C-alpha atoms as a PDB file:
ATOM      1  CA  MET A   1     116.152 120.077  78.110  1.00  0.00           C
ATOM      2  CA  SER A   2     116.328 120.804  81.770  1.00  0.00           C
ATOM      3  CA  ARG A   3     116.687 118.388  85.160  1.00  0.00           C
ATOM      4  CA  LEU A   4     112.855 118.698  85.547  1.00  0.00           C
ATOM      5  CA  ASP A   5     112.419 116.945  82.410  1.00  0.00           C
ATOM      6  CA  ARG A   6     114.751 114.806  83.249  1.00  0.00           C
ATOM      7  CA  TYR A   7     114.410 110.901  84.238  1.00  0.00           C
ATOM      8  CA  MET A   8     117.278 110.042  87.362  1.00  0.00           C
ATOM      9  CA  ARG A   9     118.144 106.124  86.490  1.00  0.00           C
ATOM     10  CA  VAL A  10     119.576 103.794  88.502  1.00  0.00           C
ATOM     11  CA  GLU A  11     121.558 101.040  88.044  1.00  0.00           C
ATOM     12  CA  ILE A  12     121.185  98.142  90.334  1.00  0.00           C
ATOM     13  CA  LYS A  13     123.925  95.164  90.379  1.00  0.00           C
ATOM     14  CA  HIS A  14     121.428  92.355  92.731  1.00  0.00           C
ATOM     15  CA  ASN A  15     121.420  88.080  91.765  1.00  0.00           C
ATOM     16  CA  GLU A  16     124.115  88.834  88.607  1.00  0.00           C
ATOM     17  CA  GLU A  17     121.304  90.897  87.070  1.00  0.00           C
ATOM     18  CA  LEU A  18     121.017  94.303  86.720  1.00  0.00           C
ATOM     19  CA  LEU A  19     118.546  96.037  86.999  1.00  0.00           C
ATOM     20  CA  THR A  20     117.051  99.538  86.383  1.00  0.00           C
ATOM     21  CA  PHE A  21     115.031 102.265  88.167  1.00  0.00           C
ATOM     22  CA  GLU A  22     114.003 105.806  87.234  1.00  0.00           C
ATOM     23  CA  SER A  23     112.071 108.075  88.851  1.00  0.00           C
ATOM     24  CA  ASP A  24     111.671 111.713  88.226  1.00  0.00           C
ATOM     25  CA  LYS A  25     112.303 112.854  91.495  1.00  0.00           C
ATOM     26  CA  PRO A  26     114.195 112.137  94.023  1.00  0.00           C
ATOM     27  CA  LEU A  27     114.483 108.921  96.615  1.00  0.00           C
ATOM     28  CA  SER A  28     115.384 107.062  99.005  1.00  0.00           C
ATOM     29  CA  ILE A  29     117.488 104.063  98.546  1.00  0.00           C
ATOM     30  CA  SER A  30     115.364 101.444 100.783  1.00  0.00           C
ATOM     31  CA  MET A  31     112.225 103.357  98.422  1.00  0.00           C
ATOM     32  CA  ILE A  32     113.873 102.096  95.837  1.00  0.00           C
ATOM     33  CA  LEU A  33     114.153  98.477  97.018  1.00  0.00           C
ATOM     34  CA  LYS A  34     110.721  98.763  98.434  1.00  0.00           C
ATOM     35  CA  ASP A  35     109.199  99.144  94.750  1.00  0.00           C
ATOM     36  CA  LEU A  36     111.843  96.546  93.208  1.00  0.00           C
ATOM     37  CA  GLU A  37     110.226  94.752  96.217  1.00  0.00           C
ATOM     38  CA  ILE A  38     113.705  93.316  96.794  1.00  0.00           C
ATOM     39  CA  PRO A  39     112.980  93.370 101.233  1.00  0.00           C
ATOM     40  CA  SER A  40     115.812  95.661 102.534  1.00  0.00           C
ATOM     41  CA  SER A  41     116.430  93.238 105.254  1.00  0.00           C
ATOM     42  CA  THR A  42     118.150  90.839 103.213  1.00  0.00           C
ATOM     43  CA  VAL A  43     120.737  93.072 101.276  1.00  0.00           C
ATOM     44  CA  LEU A  44     123.633  96.208 101.928  1.00  0.00           C
ATOM     45  CA  ALA A  45     123.839  99.158  99.191  1.00  0.00           C
ATOM     46  CA  VAL A  46     127.082  99.437  97.657  1.00  0.00           C
ATOM     47  CA  TYR A  47     128.145 102.633  96.005  1.00  0.00           C
ATOM     48  CA  ASN A  48     132.530 103.304  94.771  1.00  0.00           C
ATOM     49  CA  ASP A  49     133.296  99.759  97.335  1.00  0.00           C
ATOM     50  CA  THR A  50     131.657 102.204 100.216  1.00  0.00           C
ATOM     51  CA  ILE A  51     128.481 100.308 102.204  1.00  0.00           C
ATOM     52  CA  VAL A  52     125.647 103.683 102.277  1.00  0.00           C
ATOM     53  CA  PRO A  53     122.565 103.305 104.343  1.00  0.00           C
ATOM     54  CA  HIS A  54     119.325 102.779 103.373  1.00  0.00           C
ATOM     55  CA  SER A  55     117.990 106.487 103.914  1.00  0.00           C
ATOM     56  CA  SER A  56     120.451 107.731 101.511  1.00  0.00           C
ATOM     57  CA  ILE A  57     118.727 109.896  99.308  1.00  0.00           C
ATOM     58  CA  ILE A  58     119.692 109.176  95.353  1.00  0.00           C
ATOM     59  CA  SER A  59     118.943 112.186  93.402  1.00  0.00           C
ATOM     60  CA  GLU A  60     121.346 111.399  90.476  1.00  0.00           C
ATOM     61  CA  ASP A  61     121.833 108.670  87.761  1.00  0.00           C
ATOM     62  CA  ILE A  62     124.202 106.436  89.713  1.00  0.00           C
ATOM     63  CA  SER A  63     124.761 102.895  90.145  1.00  0.00           C
ATOM     64  CA  ILE A  64     124.943 101.245  92.820  1.00  0.00           C
ATOM     65  CA  GLU A  65     124.718  96.874  93.743  1.00  0.00           C
ATOM     66  CA  LEU A  66     123.443  95.398  96.834  1.00  0.00           C
ATOM     67  CA  ILE A  67     125.217  92.523  98.421  1.00  0.00           C
ATOM     68  CA  VAL A  68     122.659  89.697  99.914  1.00  0.00           C
ATOM     69  CA  VAL A  69     122.997  89.560 103.664  1.00  0.00           C
ATOM     70  CA  SER A  70     122.972  85.599 104.805  1.00  0.00           C
ATOM     71  CA  SER A  71     122.410  84.771 108.369  1.00  0.00           C
ATOM     72  CA  GLY A  72     122.014  81.463 110.550  1.00  0.00           C
ATOM     73  CA  GLY A  73     124.266  79.584 112.842  1.00  0.00           C
END
């Protein structure tokens, strides 16, 4: 199977749920969040214990965690 015949799979841990997102092309984290209807302003994306920008392009199978950002006074 060539790379073009295969889907990229992203596992996303969010609010104690494990979500799965698949695509046949590279996408940014912000595009994935939009498709999953998760407002990007409410979460930080973490990969290998490092916060990564939402503009990061995902092009292979990975697992990321979304940390909910709270604000208030």
